[in-house]
Structure formats: C-alpha cells, structure tokens
N, C-alpha and C. Protein backbone atom coordinates (compact mmCIF):
# COMPACT_ATOMS: atom_id res chain seq x y z
N UNK A 1 -52.08 65.22 -104.44
CA UNK A 1 -50.70 65.48 -104.01
C UNK A 1 -49.71 64.91 -105.02
N UNK A 2 -49.83 63.62 -105.40
CA UNK A 2 -48.82 63.09 -106.39
C UNK A 2 -48.83 63.88 -107.68
N UNK A 3 -50.02 64.33 -108.13
CA UNK A 3 -50.07 65.09 -109.39
C UNK A 3 -49.30 66.38 -109.24
N UNK A 4 -49.47 67.06 -108.10
CA UNK A 4 -48.77 68.29 -107.84
C UNK A 4 -47.25 68.10 -107.83
N UNK A 5 -46.83 67.01 -107.21
CA UNK A 5 -45.39 66.67 -107.15
C UNK A 5 -44.86 66.39 -108.57
N UNK A 6 -45.61 65.67 -109.33
CA UNK A 6 -45.21 65.39 -110.70
C UNK A 6 -45.18 66.65 -111.54
N UNK A 7 -46.14 67.54 -111.37
CA UNK A 7 -46.09 68.81 -112.11
C UNK A 7 -44.82 69.62 -111.73
N UNK A 8 -44.48 69.62 -110.45
CA UNK A 8 -43.28 70.31 -110.03
C UNK A 8 -42.02 69.70 -110.64
N UNK A 9 -41.99 68.36 -110.70
CA UNK A 9 -40.83 67.73 -111.28
C UNK A 9 -40.72 68.00 -112.81
N UNK A 10 -41.85 68.07 -113.48
CA UNK A 10 -41.89 68.47 -114.87
C UNK A 10 -41.37 69.89 -115.05
N UNK A 11 -41.78 70.74 -114.15
CA UNK A 11 -41.30 72.13 -114.23
C UNK A 11 -39.79 72.20 -113.98
N UNK A 12 -39.27 71.42 -113.06
CA UNK A 12 -37.86 71.35 -112.80
C UNK A 12 -37.11 70.93 -114.04
N UNK A 13 -37.64 69.89 -114.72
CA UNK A 13 -37.02 69.42 -115.94
C UNK A 13 -37.07 70.51 -117.04
N UNK A 14 -38.18 71.23 -117.12
CA UNK A 14 -38.26 72.33 -118.08
C UNK A 14 -37.18 73.41 -117.77
N UNK A 15 -37.03 73.70 -116.50
CA UNK A 15 -36.03 74.69 -116.09
C UNK A 15 -34.61 74.24 -116.44
N UNK A 16 -34.33 72.96 -116.26
CA UNK A 16 -33.06 72.43 -116.67
C UNK A 16 -32.80 72.54 -118.17
N UNK A 17 -33.87 72.29 -118.91
CA UNK A 17 -33.74 72.36 -120.37
C UNK A 17 -33.55 73.86 -120.80
N UNK A 18 -34.18 74.77 -120.07
CA UNK A 18 -34.07 76.20 -120.34
C UNK A 18 -32.64 76.69 -120.09
N UNK A 19 -31.91 76.02 -119.21
CA UNK A 19 -30.53 76.40 -118.98
C UNK A 19 -29.62 76.03 -120.11
N UNK A 20 -30.18 75.44 -121.12
CA UNK A 20 -29.50 75.09 -122.38
C UNK A 20 -28.32 74.15 -122.16
N UNK A 21 -28.61 72.97 -121.58
CA UNK A 21 -27.53 71.96 -121.44
C UNK A 21 -27.04 71.54 -122.84
N UNK A 22 -25.86 70.99 -122.88
CA UNK A 22 -25.32 70.54 -124.23
C UNK A 22 -26.02 69.35 -124.76
N UNK A 23 -27.27 69.52 -125.20
CA UNK A 23 -28.07 68.45 -125.79
C UNK A 23 -28.24 68.71 -127.29
N UNK A 24 -28.34 67.63 -128.03
CA UNK A 24 -28.63 67.79 -129.44
C UNK A 24 -30.09 68.25 -129.60
N UNK A 25 -30.43 68.80 -130.73
CA UNK A 25 -31.82 69.22 -130.99
C UNK A 25 -32.72 67.99 -130.89
N UNK A 26 -32.25 66.87 -131.32
CA UNK A 26 -33.07 65.60 -131.27
C UNK A 26 -33.36 65.21 -129.82
N UNK A 27 -32.33 65.29 -128.97
CA UNK A 27 -32.47 64.93 -127.58
C UNK A 27 -33.45 65.89 -126.88
N UNK A 28 -33.35 67.20 -127.13
CA UNK A 28 -34.25 68.16 -126.56
C UNK A 28 -35.69 67.91 -127.02
N UNK A 29 -35.85 67.66 -128.31
CA UNK A 29 -37.18 67.36 -128.81
C UNK A 29 -37.77 66.12 -128.19
N UNK A 30 -36.92 65.08 -127.96
CA UNK A 30 -37.42 63.90 -127.37
C UNK A 30 -37.88 64.13 -125.93
N UNK A 31 -37.12 64.93 -125.19
CA UNK A 31 -37.54 65.23 -123.82
C UNK A 31 -38.84 66.07 -123.78
N UNK A 32 -38.91 67.03 -124.69
CA UNK A 32 -40.12 67.85 -124.73
C UNK A 32 -41.33 66.99 -125.08
N UNK A 33 -41.15 66.10 -126.02
CA UNK A 33 -42.24 65.21 -126.39
C UNK A 33 -42.63 64.30 -125.23
N UNK A 34 -41.65 63.76 -124.51
CA UNK A 34 -41.92 62.92 -123.32
C UNK A 34 -42.68 63.69 -122.24
N UNK A 35 -42.28 64.94 -122.03
CA UNK A 35 -42.99 65.73 -121.05
C UNK A 35 -44.46 65.97 -121.49
N UNK A 36 -44.65 66.19 -122.76
CA UNK A 36 -46.04 66.32 -123.25
C UNK A 36 -46.83 65.08 -123.06
N UNK A 37 -46.21 63.93 -123.33
CA UNK A 37 -46.89 62.65 -123.12
C UNK A 37 -47.27 62.44 -121.62
N UNK A 38 -46.40 62.86 -120.74
CA UNK A 38 -46.67 62.75 -119.31
C UNK A 38 -47.86 63.63 -118.95
N UNK A 39 -47.87 64.87 -119.48
CA UNK A 39 -49.00 65.77 -119.17
C UNK A 39 -50.33 65.21 -119.73
N UNK A 40 -50.29 64.58 -120.92
CA UNK A 40 -51.49 63.95 -121.48
C UNK A 40 -51.91 62.82 -120.50
N UNK A 41 -50.94 62.05 -120.05
CA UNK A 41 -51.26 60.94 -119.15
C UNK A 41 -51.88 61.45 -117.87
N UNK A 42 -51.42 62.59 -117.36
CA UNK A 42 -52.00 63.18 -116.16
C UNK A 42 -53.48 63.45 -116.40
N UNK A 43 -53.82 63.97 -117.55
CA UNK A 43 -55.24 64.22 -117.89
C UNK A 43 -55.99 62.92 -118.01
N UNK A 44 -55.37 61.90 -118.56
CA UNK A 44 -56.04 60.57 -118.66
C UNK A 44 -56.20 59.96 -117.28
N UNK A 45 -55.24 60.14 -116.42
CA UNK A 45 -55.31 59.54 -115.10
C UNK A 45 -56.53 60.05 -114.33
N UNK A 46 -56.84 61.31 -114.55
CA UNK A 46 -58.03 61.85 -113.98
C UNK A 46 -59.28 61.14 -114.53
N UNK A 47 -59.17 60.74 -115.81
CA UNK A 47 -60.24 59.99 -116.46
C UNK A 47 -60.09 58.51 -116.33
N UNK A 48 -59.07 58.03 -115.59
CA UNK A 48 -58.78 56.61 -115.29
C UNK A 48 -58.48 55.81 -116.55
N UNK A 49 -57.61 56.35 -117.40
CA UNK A 49 -57.16 55.56 -118.60
C UNK A 49 -55.63 55.60 -118.68
N UNK A 50 -54.94 54.91 -117.72
CA UNK A 50 -53.47 54.91 -117.73
C UNK A 50 -52.83 54.29 -118.94
N UNK A 51 -51.68 54.79 -119.35
CA UNK A 51 -50.94 54.34 -120.53
C UNK A 51 -49.62 53.77 -120.04
N UNK A 52 -49.46 52.44 -120.01
CA UNK A 52 -48.27 51.84 -119.44
C UNK A 52 -47.04 52.13 -120.31
N UNK A 53 -47.21 52.38 -121.59
CA UNK A 53 -46.04 52.62 -122.45
C UNK A 53 -45.30 53.93 -122.05
N UNK A 54 -45.96 54.80 -121.35
CA UNK A 54 -45.34 56.05 -120.92
C UNK A 54 -44.16 55.72 -120.00
N UNK A 55 -44.34 54.78 -119.05
CA UNK A 55 -43.26 54.40 -118.16
C UNK A 55 -42.09 53.87 -118.91
N UNK A 56 -42.34 53.10 -119.96
CA UNK A 56 -41.22 52.58 -120.82
C UNK A 56 -40.47 53.75 -121.41
N UNK A 57 -41.23 54.75 -121.89
CA UNK A 57 -40.55 55.91 -122.49
C UNK A 57 -39.69 56.65 -121.51
N UNK A 58 -40.14 56.82 -120.26
CA UNK A 58 -39.33 57.49 -119.28
C UNK A 58 -38.10 56.68 -118.92
N UNK A 59 -38.30 55.33 -118.79
CA UNK A 59 -37.13 54.43 -118.55
C UNK A 59 -36.07 54.55 -119.64
N UNK A 60 -36.52 54.57 -120.87
CA UNK A 60 -35.58 54.71 -122.01
C UNK A 60 -34.89 56.06 -121.95
N UNK A 61 -35.58 57.13 -121.56
CA UNK A 61 -34.92 58.45 -121.46
C UNK A 61 -33.89 58.44 -120.33
N UNK A 62 -34.17 57.79 -119.21
CA UNK A 62 -33.22 57.69 -118.11
C UNK A 62 -31.97 57.01 -118.63
N UNK A 63 -32.12 55.88 -119.33
CA UNK A 63 -30.99 55.19 -119.84
C UNK A 63 -30.23 56.01 -120.84
N UNK A 64 -30.95 56.75 -121.68
CA UNK A 64 -30.32 57.57 -122.71
C UNK A 64 -29.41 58.69 -122.14
N UNK A 65 -29.90 59.25 -121.04
CA UNK A 65 -29.18 60.43 -120.49
C UNK A 65 -28.39 60.16 -119.25
N UNK A 66 -28.37 58.94 -118.76
CA UNK A 66 -27.76 58.57 -117.51
C UNK A 66 -26.26 58.94 -117.47
N UNK A 67 -25.56 58.67 -118.53
CA UNK A 67 -24.09 58.90 -118.57
C UNK A 67 -23.80 60.36 -119.02
N UNK A 68 -24.45 60.79 -120.07
CA UNK A 68 -24.12 62.07 -120.64
C UNK A 68 -24.70 63.30 -119.86
N UNK A 69 -25.84 63.06 -119.26
CA UNK A 69 -26.53 64.17 -118.53
C UNK A 69 -27.17 63.62 -117.24
N UNK A 70 -26.33 63.34 -116.25
CA UNK A 70 -26.84 62.71 -115.04
C UNK A 70 -27.91 63.50 -114.29
N UNK A 71 -27.84 64.84 -114.37
CA UNK A 71 -28.81 65.68 -113.67
C UNK A 71 -30.20 65.48 -114.30
N UNK A 72 -30.24 65.40 -115.65
CA UNK A 72 -31.52 65.15 -116.30
C UNK A 72 -32.04 63.75 -115.97
N UNK A 73 -31.11 62.80 -115.88
CA UNK A 73 -31.51 61.40 -115.54
C UNK A 73 -32.13 61.36 -114.11
N UNK A 74 -31.53 62.07 -113.19
CA UNK A 74 -32.07 62.18 -111.83
C UNK A 74 -33.49 62.72 -111.85
N UNK A 75 -33.72 63.78 -112.59
CA UNK A 75 -35.06 64.37 -112.72
C UNK A 75 -36.04 63.39 -113.35
N UNK A 76 -35.58 62.69 -114.37
CA UNK A 76 -36.42 61.68 -114.98
C UNK A 76 -36.77 60.55 -114.08
N UNK A 77 -35.82 60.16 -113.24
CA UNK A 77 -36.10 59.10 -112.24
C UNK A 77 -37.14 59.51 -111.24
N UNK A 78 -37.06 60.79 -110.84
CA UNK A 78 -38.06 61.35 -109.90
C UNK A 78 -39.42 61.30 -110.55
N UNK A 79 -39.49 61.67 -111.80
CA UNK A 79 -40.73 61.63 -112.54
C UNK A 79 -41.25 60.21 -112.65
N UNK A 80 -40.38 59.30 -112.85
CA UNK A 80 -40.73 57.86 -112.97
C UNK A 80 -41.31 57.39 -111.62
N UNK A 81 -40.68 57.78 -110.52
CA UNK A 81 -41.17 57.40 -109.21
C UNK A 81 -42.56 58.01 -108.90
N UNK A 82 -42.78 59.25 -109.32
CA UNK A 82 -44.07 59.86 -109.15
C UNK A 82 -45.16 59.13 -109.93
N UNK A 83 -44.81 58.76 -111.16
CA UNK A 83 -45.76 58.00 -111.96
C UNK A 83 -46.11 56.66 -111.29
N UNK A 84 -45.08 55.99 -110.72
CA UNK A 84 -45.30 54.75 -110.04
C UNK A 84 -46.18 54.96 -108.81
N UNK A 85 -45.95 56.05 -108.09
CA UNK A 85 -46.77 56.35 -106.91
C UNK A 85 -48.21 56.61 -107.26
N UNK A 86 -48.39 57.06 -108.50
CA UNK A 86 -49.79 57.34 -108.95
C UNK A 86 -50.41 56.10 -109.55
N UNK A 87 -49.66 55.00 -109.62
CA UNK A 87 -50.23 53.73 -110.13
C UNK A 87 -50.12 53.65 -111.65
N UNK A 88 -49.30 54.45 -112.24
CA UNK A 88 -49.13 54.42 -113.75
C UNK A 88 -47.96 53.53 -114.08
C-alpha cells in the first residue's frame, strides 16, 4: 500500500511538471533526477537496501521550492511522508 501511494504521488508530481510551471531547466532536471532516485529506492526497498541520503535530497527539494513553487513543495512533502511511512 505505501508503495502504491508513493507511486501515485510521483505521478502527481510528474503531472505538475507536465503543466510546465515556471521552473528553470536546472530545477526541472533536479526534480526529474530526484524522482528517478526515489523509483530506484523503491526497487531497493523491495530488496531491503534503503538509502537514507534520498530523504535528505527530498528535504532539500522541499526547501528549494517552498517559496517559489508551493504546490511542488506540498507534493514533495507528501512523498517525504510516504518514504517515512515505508521506513526510509
């Protein structure tokens, strides 16, 4: 269940990015890379090899977008909570 919720949150974030918010190419690339890292972590979680640095990356992204793109920050916080619920 938590994995399904996290996948849905990642899809929501992808949808937000597809709406072409006013982000720099660097910011978009950073979010896409972060989403990829989360998906890799999901695969590792199944194999029981959690990566704690992933949470730090999501926290940094929340801080980065909190003021300029609050909707993205909310989505990232939801992802962060899902990771915490999964024990990552």
